[in-house]
Amino acid sequence: MAVEIRVPTPEQWAEVCLVDTRAFGNSLTPEEIEERRDLHDLSRFRIAVDGTRVVAVAASYAMDATLPGGVSVPMGGVTWVSVAATHRRQGLMRRVVGAVHDDIAERGEPIATLYASEGGIYENIDYGCSTQVRVASLNPRLTSFRREYSTAGGVCYLDSTEDPVALTTAMWERFRRLRAGETSRSAALHNFLADQRAKPAGPMSPVEYFVHADGYAAYRMEQDWNTGHPAHTMHIVEVAAITPEAHAALWETLLGVDLVGEIKSNALAIDDPLPYLLTNPRTLRTNELNDGVWVNVLDIPMAFAARSYRSTDRLVVEVDEKRWAIDGGPDGATCKPVRTRPDLTCTHAALSALLYGGVAPSALVAGRRMTARNDDVLRRADIFFTTATAPHCQTHY
């Protein structure tokens, strides 16, 4: 019997979860399976069924993504991509993801994005890496917040009687529009995150929140009493600072927590200004730089007309044997099909990598993913497509 691609039924939810947890090497209790049910719209799932057994899964979340200029567009956040070990090398991943892409496109969402469990998979199906994840650490005993930049307060703990969902819902929507690559969060996701953060995570404490009028910082603590020489680890969960003043105030407070020997973070953007606020900038170490969000532009004219550009220019890009004229600037853009000579020719994945503004066309040319008509075109393209602020995403899906 041929393997069929279907939308799962509610009765198949537990089996869908089992396929996913087996693929990713984790497990869920029956209670955890049930509590995750409200987060997921099964109409956005596609499963591969062999006889009566689910053997592959892919899905998407309905989200909005921020583009350069602060415009927000609908997005399908692709997730749950997993294939049973018994059914590898049969093309099932392409089939279920392809079916999810079709569903996203039919809903009028111009882009699909994902986090890749493995870095060598998704360029083959038109995804381009668009953001980076910076794995950083900081020894607060070797530095301090520069006194001349001290904000003299303005930060407090979230009181135990206060609702973290109300805090994050209001602040997040303001914050996420400030940087390309960040996403919206549904009410269900805010509730789920608050519930998970209220619990310990392995050796780490429940999440604590520092609150400012224009932002918040969330962190967990991992105790290490170190035979009388305390050296706890502070794990940054996220920092949502809407203004430079809030950013400085929150970090000044984080650095002042007692008994901390190391601060660890996957939440810092690669251009975060934190080093400039420290008396010893070298103490902030970048331990790894990994690929972050991968983007697949499903509707080229809609996506590239929605964002803004650093310079006013017109460039013709050829991709998938079609040519698109992107005519734009700081105040907006159009993207229309044309037949004129291309300035840039690239793979679909390379074009997708340009959407958030964090990848320079010259890097794609050097990496053999793009060609430019001449050096002047490439110089103009670098200015046109890139953003002054690096794209970044703290939302994981």
Protein backbone atom coordinates (compact mmCIF):
# COMPACT_ATOMS: atom_id res chain seq x y z
CA MET A 1 0.00 0.00 0.00
CA ALA A 2 1.32 3.44 -0.95
CA VAL A 3 2.16 5.94 1.77
CA GLU A 4 -0.50 8.67 1.83
CA ILE A 5 -0.24 12.31 2.95
CA ARG A 6 -3.17 13.44 5.09
CA VAL A 7 -4.37 15.92 7.68
CA PRO A 8 -4.36 14.13 11.06
CA THR A 9 -7.51 13.54 13.06
CA PRO A 10 -7.77 14.51 16.74
CA GLU A 11 -7.58 10.80 17.59
CA GLN A 12 -4.12 10.63 15.99
CA TRP A 13 -2.64 13.43 18.14
CA ALA A 14 -0.84 11.11 20.57
CA GLU A 15 0.65 9.09 17.69
CA VAL A 16 1.79 12.29 15.96
CA CYS A 17 3.55 13.29 19.19
CA LEU A 18 5.19 9.87 19.41
CA VAL A 19 6.66 10.15 15.90
CA ASP A 20 8.06 13.57 16.76
CA THR A 21 9.54 12.61 20.14
CA ARG A 22 11.17 9.49 18.71
CA ALA A 23 12.77 11.54 15.95
CA PHE A 24 14.11 14.20 18.34
CA GLY A 25 15.15 11.86 21.13
CA ASN A 26 12.85 13.10 23.87
CA SER A 27 9.59 11.97 25.46
CA LEU A 28 6.31 13.43 26.68
CA THR A 29 4.04 12.21 29.43
CA PRO A 30 0.33 11.76 28.65
CA GLU A 31 -0.27 14.98 30.61
CA GLU A 32 2.31 16.89 28.54
CA ILE A 33 0.78 15.56 25.32
CA GLU A 34 -2.60 16.87 26.42
CA GLU A 35 -1.35 20.29 27.57
CA ARG A 36 0.33 20.88 24.19
CA ARG A 37 -2.84 20.11 22.28
CA ASP A 38 -4.29 23.65 22.49
CA LEU A 39 -1.12 25.11 20.97
CA HIS A 40 -1.56 23.27 17.72
CA ASP A 41 -4.01 23.70 14.86
CA LEU A 42 -4.25 20.20 13.38
CA SER A 43 -5.49 21.63 10.09
CA ARG A 44 -1.93 22.95 9.62
CA PHE A 45 -0.40 19.48 10.13
CA ARG A 46 0.38 16.95 7.42
CA ILE A 47 1.21 13.34 8.16
CA ALA A 48 2.44 10.43 6.07
CA VAL A 49 0.44 7.27 6.78
CA ASP A 50 1.66 3.78 5.91
CA GLY A 51 -1.34 1.52 6.35
CA THR A 52 -2.62 2.64 9.74
CA ARG A 53 0.65 3.99 11.14
CA VAL A 54 1.86 7.60 11.12
CA VAL A 55 5.43 7.54 9.79
CA ALA A 56 6.22 11.21 9.08
CA VAL A 57 5.00 14.60 10.29
CA ALA A 58 5.33 18.28 9.41
CA ALA A 59 3.30 21.27 10.54
CA SER A 60 3.25 25.05 10.77
CA TYR A 61 2.22 27.70 13.25
CA ALA A 62 0.26 30.78 12.17
CA MET A 63 2.53 33.71 13.08
CA ASP A 64 3.46 37.17 11.86
CA ALA A 65 7.07 37.99 11.02
CA THR A 66 8.63 41.44 11.26
CA LEU A 67 10.40 42.61 8.09
CA PRO A 68 12.88 45.48 7.65
CA GLY A 69 11.01 48.73 8.21
CA GLY A 70 8.83 47.26 10.97
CA VAL A 71 6.11 45.88 8.68
CA SER A 72 4.59 42.61 9.82
CA VAL A 73 3.49 39.90 7.35
CA PRO A 74 1.76 36.55 7.86
CA MET A 75 4.13 33.61 8.12
CA GLY A 76 3.96 29.86 8.44
CA GLY A 77 6.38 28.80 11.17
CA VAL A 78 7.31 25.30 10.01
CA THR A 79 7.86 22.79 12.80
CA TRP A 80 7.47 19.15 13.86
CA VAL A 81 9.40 17.93 10.80
CA SER A 82 10.14 14.29 11.58
CA VAL A 83 10.31 10.93 9.82
CA ALA A 84 10.28 7.51 11.46
CA ALA A 85 13.64 5.71 11.27
CA THR A 86 11.86 2.81 9.55
CA HIS A 87 10.87 5.07 6.64
CA ARG A 88 13.99 7.11 5.91
CA ARG A 89 15.28 7.72 2.37
CA GLN A 90 11.83 7.44 0.81
CA GLY A 91 11.28 11.15 0.13
CA LEU A 92 8.70 11.49 2.91
CA MET A 93 10.24 14.60 4.42
CA ARG A 94 9.96 16.43 1.11
CA ARG A 95 6.39 15.24 0.69
CA VAL A 96 5.07 16.29 4.10
CA VAL A 97 6.97 19.59 4.11
CA GLY A 98 5.84 20.24 0.54
CA ALA A 99 2.24 19.66 1.60
CA VAL A 100 2.70 22.10 4.51
CA HIS A 101 4.17 24.67 2.08
CA ASP A 102 1.12 24.27 -0.15
CA ASP A 103 -1.13 24.83 2.86
CA ILE A 104 0.80 27.95 3.93
CA ALA A 105 0.57 29.38 0.39
CA GLU A 106 -3.16 28.64 0.17
CA ARG A 107 -3.68 30.61 3.39
CA GLY A 108 -2.05 33.66 1.78
CA GLU A 109 1.06 33.60 3.97
CA PRO A 110 4.00 34.72 1.79
CA ILE A 111 6.85 33.12 3.74
CA ALA A 112 7.66 29.88 5.52
CA THR A 113 10.38 29.85 8.18
CA LEU A 114 11.93 27.28 10.50
CA TYR A 115 14.74 26.39 12.86
CA ALA A 116 16.79 23.52 11.46
CA SER A 117 17.72 20.56 13.65
CA GLU A 118 20.52 19.89 11.16
CA GLY A 119 22.25 22.57 9.11
CA GLY A 120 22.58 20.65 5.85
CA ILE A 121 18.95 19.84 5.12
CA TYR A 122 16.84 22.82 4.22
CA GLU A 123 18.77 24.70 1.57
CA ASN A 124 17.83 21.76 -0.66
CA ILE A 125 14.17 22.77 -0.40
CA ASP A 126 14.66 26.51 -0.96
CA TYR A 127 15.37 27.77 2.58
CA GLY A 128 18.08 30.36 3.12
CA CYS A 129 19.67 31.02 6.50
CA SER A 130 18.59 34.52 7.54
CA THR A 131 19.49 35.00 11.22
CA GLN A 132 22.17 33.75 13.59
CA VAL A 133 22.09 32.43 17.14
CA ARG A 134 24.87 33.73 19.34
CA VAL A 135 25.82 31.45 22.23
CA ALA A 136 27.42 33.84 24.72
CA SER A 137 28.72 33.84 28.28
CA LEU A 138 29.82 36.50 30.73
CA ASN A 139 31.68 36.38 34.05
CA PRO A 140 30.12 39.24 36.08
CA ARG A 141 32.98 39.09 38.59
CA LEU A 142 35.44 40.26 35.95
CA THR A 143 33.45 43.31 34.86
CA SER A 144 30.75 45.71 35.96
CA PHE A 145 28.23 48.06 34.46
CA ARG A 146 29.87 51.37 33.56
CA ARG A 147 28.94 53.84 36.28
CA GLU A 148 28.46 56.77 33.90
CA TYR A 149 25.65 54.85 32.15
CA SER A 150 23.87 53.79 35.33
CA THR A 151 20.12 54.18 35.11
CA ALA A 152 19.69 54.46 38.90
CA GLY A 153 16.79 52.05 39.19
CA GLY A 154 13.57 51.75 37.24
CA VAL A 155 13.61 47.92 37.43
CA CYS A 156 11.75 45.65 39.83
CA TYR A 157 10.95 41.98 40.18
CA LEU A 158 7.64 40.76 38.84
CA ASP A 159 5.65 40.24 42.02
CA SER A 160 4.52 36.67 42.66
CA THR A 161 0.92 37.86 42.64
CA GLU A 162 1.27 39.44 39.18
CA ASP A 163 0.43 37.65 35.94
CA PRO A 164 3.46 37.07 33.69
CA VAL A 165 1.16 36.54 30.71
CA ALA A 166 -0.20 40.08 30.99
CA LEU A 167 3.36 41.41 31.17
CA THR A 168 4.78 39.45 28.24
CA THR A 169 1.74 39.89 26.01
CA ALA A 170 1.81 43.67 26.23
CA MET A 171 5.58 44.10 26.08
CA TRP A 172 6.27 41.48 23.42
CA GLU A 173 4.03 42.97 20.78
CA ARG A 174 5.81 46.32 21.16
CA PHE A 175 9.25 44.73 21.23
CA ARG A 176 8.99 42.28 18.35
CA ARG A 177 8.24 45.00 15.77
CA LEU A 178 11.62 46.65 16.38
CA ARG A 179 13.81 44.01 14.75
CA ALA A 180 13.42 42.11 11.49
CA GLY A 181 13.11 38.36 11.99
CA GLU A 182 11.14 38.46 15.22
CA THR A 183 7.66 36.97 15.36
CA SER A 184 4.28 37.45 16.97
CA ARG A 185 3.13 35.15 19.75
CA SER A 186 -0.41 33.87 20.08
CA ALA A 187 -2.36 33.98 23.33
CA ALA A 188 -2.00 30.19 23.53
CA LEU A 189 1.78 30.47 23.18
CA HIS A 190 2.04 33.19 25.85
CA ASN A 191 0.03 30.99 28.21
CA PHE A 192 2.10 27.89 27.42
CA LEU A 193 5.40 29.71 27.91
CA ALA A 194 4.24 31.15 31.24
CA ASP A 195 3.22 27.69 32.40
CA GLN A 196 6.53 26.13 31.37
CA ARG A 197 8.57 28.96 32.87
CA ALA A 198 6.81 28.58 36.21
CA LYS A 199 8.37 25.12 36.55
CA PRO A 200 12.00 24.15 37.18
CA ALA A 201 13.91 22.98 34.11
CA GLY A 202 16.29 20.22 35.16
CA PRO A 203 18.74 21.77 37.66
CA MET A 204 17.50 25.28 36.84
CA SER A 205 14.99 27.27 38.88
CA PRO A 206 11.64 28.56 37.63
CA VAL A 207 11.93 31.77 35.63
CA GLU A 208 12.29 35.10 37.40
CA TYR A 209 11.32 38.36 35.67
CA PHE A 210 12.88 41.80 35.97
CA VAL A 211 10.39 44.42 34.80
CA HIS A 212 10.94 47.90 33.36
CA ALA A 213 8.34 50.32 31.99
CA ASP A 214 9.68 49.53 28.52
CA GLY A 215 10.71 45.91 28.71
CA TYR A 216 11.52 42.84 30.76
CA ALA A 217 14.24 40.23 31.25
CA ALA A 218 13.53 36.58 32.05
CA TYR A 219 16.13 34.23 33.53
CA ARG A 220 16.65 30.96 35.40
CA MET A 221 19.25 30.22 38.08
CA GLU A 222 21.34 27.06 38.43
CA GLN A 223 22.88 26.78 41.87
CA ASP A 224 26.53 25.89 42.45
CA TRP A 225 27.67 26.50 46.04
CA ASN A 226 31.17 25.44 45.05
CA THR A 227 32.24 24.32 48.57
CA GLY A 228 31.60 27.70 50.06
CA HIS A 229 32.54 29.84 47.05
CA PRO A 230 29.16 30.35 45.34
CA ALA A 231 29.28 30.35 41.55
CA HIS A 232 25.70 30.07 40.37
CA THR A 233 24.90 30.18 36.65
CA MET A 234 22.29 32.63 35.40
CA HIS A 235 20.61 31.38 32.21
CA ILE A 236 19.03 34.22 30.22
CA VAL A 237 15.70 33.11 28.76
CA GLU A 238 14.95 36.32 26.87
CA VAL A 239 15.43 40.05 27.08
CA ALA A 240 12.74 42.23 25.51
CA ALA A 241 13.98 45.81 25.76
CA ILE A 242 11.93 48.34 23.79
CA THR A 243 14.22 51.33 24.40
CA PRO A 244 17.99 51.73 24.89
CA GLU A 245 17.24 52.95 28.41
CA ALA A 246 15.31 49.77 29.20
CA HIS A 247 18.12 47.64 27.72
CA ALA A 248 20.71 49.34 29.92
CA ALA A 249 18.56 49.22 33.06
CA LEU A 250 17.72 45.54 32.67
CA TRP A 251 21.33 44.51 32.07
CA GLU A 252 22.59 46.64 34.94
CA THR A 253 20.16 44.78 37.20
CA LEU A 254 21.03 41.34 35.79
CA LEU A 255 24.72 42.01 36.38
CA GLY A 256 23.99 42.93 39.98
CA VAL A 257 22.43 39.63 41.04
CA ASP A 258 24.45 38.13 43.90
CA LEU A 259 26.36 34.82 43.89
CA VAL A 260 26.49 34.54 40.10
CA GLY A 261 29.70 33.17 38.63
CA GLU A 262 28.55 33.03 34.99
CA ILE A 263 25.78 34.40 32.84
CA LYS A 264 24.84 32.31 29.79
CA SER A 265 22.65 33.45 26.91
CA ASN A 266 21.35 32.36 23.54
CA ALA A 267 19.22 35.51 23.41
CA LEU A 268 21.79 38.16 22.43
CA ALA A 269 21.69 39.52 18.89
CA ILE A 270 25.08 39.59 17.19
CA ASP A 271 25.02 43.41 17.32
CA ASP A 272 23.74 43.75 20.90
CA PRO A 273 25.32 46.86 22.47
CA LEU A 274 26.00 45.15 25.82
CA PRO A 275 29.85 45.18 25.43
CA TYR A 276 29.83 48.98 25.31
CA LEU A 277 28.07 49.10 28.68
CA LEU A 278 30.73 47.02 30.46
CA THR A 279 33.94 48.16 32.13
CA ASN A 280 35.65 45.12 30.56
CA PRO A 281 33.96 44.29 27.24
CA ARG A 282 36.17 41.23 26.68
CA THR A 283 34.37 39.36 29.44
CA LEU A 284 31.39 38.94 27.10
CA ARG A 285 32.43 35.88 25.10
CA THR A 286 30.83 34.55 21.95
CA ASN A 287 31.29 30.80 22.34
CA GLU A 288 29.41 29.75 19.22
CA LEU A 289 27.63 31.35 16.28
CA ASN A 290 25.00 29.05 14.84
CA ASP A 291 22.41 29.27 12.10
CA GLY A 292 19.11 30.63 13.37
CA VAL A 293 15.94 31.14 11.36
CA TRP A 294 15.78 29.79 7.82
CA VAL A 295 13.39 31.51 5.41
CA ASN A 296 11.64 30.23 2.30
CA VAL A 297 9.88 33.00 0.36
CA LEU A 298 6.78 31.41 -1.13
CA ASP A 299 5.32 34.62 -2.61
CA ILE A 300 8.25 36.69 -3.92
CA PRO A 301 6.38 39.84 -5.02
CA MET A 302 4.35 40.05 -1.82
CA ALA A 303 7.28 39.49 0.53
CA PHE A 304 9.83 41.76 -1.14
CA ALA A 305 7.28 44.55 -1.70
CA ALA A 306 6.38 44.50 2.00
CA ARG A 307 9.83 45.33 3.39
CA SER A 308 11.81 48.57 3.18
CA TYR A 309 15.36 49.05 1.84
CA ARG A 310 18.36 51.10 2.96
CA SER A 311 18.83 52.93 -0.34
CA THR A 312 16.52 54.04 -3.13
CA ASP A 313 17.28 51.78 -6.08
CA ARG A 314 15.93 49.31 -8.59
CA LEU A 315 17.45 45.86 -9.01
CA VAL A 316 16.32 42.98 -11.20
CA VAL A 317 16.77 39.54 -9.67
CA GLU A 318 16.47 36.27 -11.58
CA VAL A 319 15.43 33.20 -9.60
CA ASP A 320 13.77 29.96 -10.73
CA GLU A 321 14.02 31.23 -14.34
CA LYS A 322 11.82 34.22 -13.52
CA ARG A 323 12.87 37.87 -13.24
CA TRP A 324 11.64 40.31 -10.62
CA ALA A 325 12.27 44.05 -10.48
CA ILE A 326 12.51 45.23 -6.89
CA ASP A 327 12.05 48.99 -6.87
CA GLY A 328 12.32 50.30 -3.34
CA GLY A 329 13.74 52.51 -0.66
CA PRO A 330 13.30 53.48 3.01
CA ASP A 331 9.62 54.29 2.49
CA GLY A 332 8.48 51.14 0.71
CA ALA A 333 8.82 49.07 -2.44
CA THR A 334 7.25 47.25 -5.34
CA CYS A 335 8.26 43.88 -6.75
CA LYS A 336 7.01 43.05 -10.23
CA PRO A 337 7.79 40.47 -12.93
CA VAL A 338 9.89 41.80 -15.81
CA ARG A 339 11.77 40.52 -18.86
CA THR A 340 14.75 42.88 -18.68
CA ARG A 341 18.33 41.82 -18.10
CA PRO A 342 18.96 40.63 -14.51
CA ASP A 343 21.34 42.44 -12.19
CA LEU A 344 21.53 39.43 -9.88
CA THR A 345 20.95 35.74 -10.56
CA CYS A 346 20.59 33.37 -7.64
CA THR A 347 19.08 30.24 -6.15
CA HIS A 348 15.71 30.42 -4.46
CA ALA A 349 17.40 29.76 -1.10
CA ALA A 350 19.78 32.69 -1.66
CA LEU A 351 16.94 35.07 -2.48
CA SER A 352 15.10 33.91 0.65
CA ALA A 353 18.20 34.63 2.75
CA LEU A 354 18.03 38.29 1.65
CA LEU A 355 14.52 38.97 2.96
CA TYR A 356 15.39 39.87 6.56
CA GLY A 357 18.36 42.04 5.61
CA GLY A 358 21.08 40.19 7.52
CA VAL A 359 22.88 38.59 4.57
CA ALA A 360 24.90 40.65 2.09
CA PRO A 361 24.60 39.76 -1.60
CA SER A 362 28.41 39.92 -1.83
CA ALA A 363 28.60 37.05 0.68
CA LEU A 364 26.22 35.01 -1.46
CA VAL A 365 28.30 35.77 -4.55
CA ALA A 366 31.46 34.70 -2.75
CA GLY A 367 29.63 31.59 -1.58
CA ARG A 368 28.61 30.67 -5.15
CA ARG A 369 24.89 31.08 -4.50
CA MET A 370 24.54 34.24 -6.59
CA THR A 371 26.12 36.06 -9.53
CA ALA A 372 26.10 39.80 -10.17
CA ARG A 373 26.17 41.57 -13.52
CA ASN A 374 29.14 43.67 -12.42
CA ASP A 375 30.90 45.01 -9.34
CA ASP A 376 28.86 48.22 -9.26
CA VAL A 377 25.61 46.25 -9.15
CA LEU A 378 26.96 44.17 -6.29
CA ARG A 379 28.01 47.27 -4.35
CA ARG A 380 24.54 48.76 -4.78
CA ALA A 381 22.89 45.47 -3.84
CA ASP A 382 24.83 45.22 -0.59
CA ILE A 383 23.58 48.65 0.48
CA PHE A 384 20.05 48.07 -0.82
CA PHE A 385 19.23 44.71 0.80
CA THR A 386 21.04 44.85 4.15
CA THR A 387 19.79 46.51 7.33
CA ALA A 388 21.60 48.66 9.87
CA THR A 389 20.26 46.44 12.67
CA ALA A 390 20.92 42.71 12.39
CA PRO A 391 17.81 40.52 12.17
CA HIS A 392 17.25 38.39 15.23
CA CYS A 393 14.65 36.03 16.66
CA GLN A 394 14.17 34.95 20.27
CA THR A 395 11.00 32.96 19.53
CA HIS A 396 11.63 29.24 19.10
CA TYR A 397 9.11 27.03 17.33
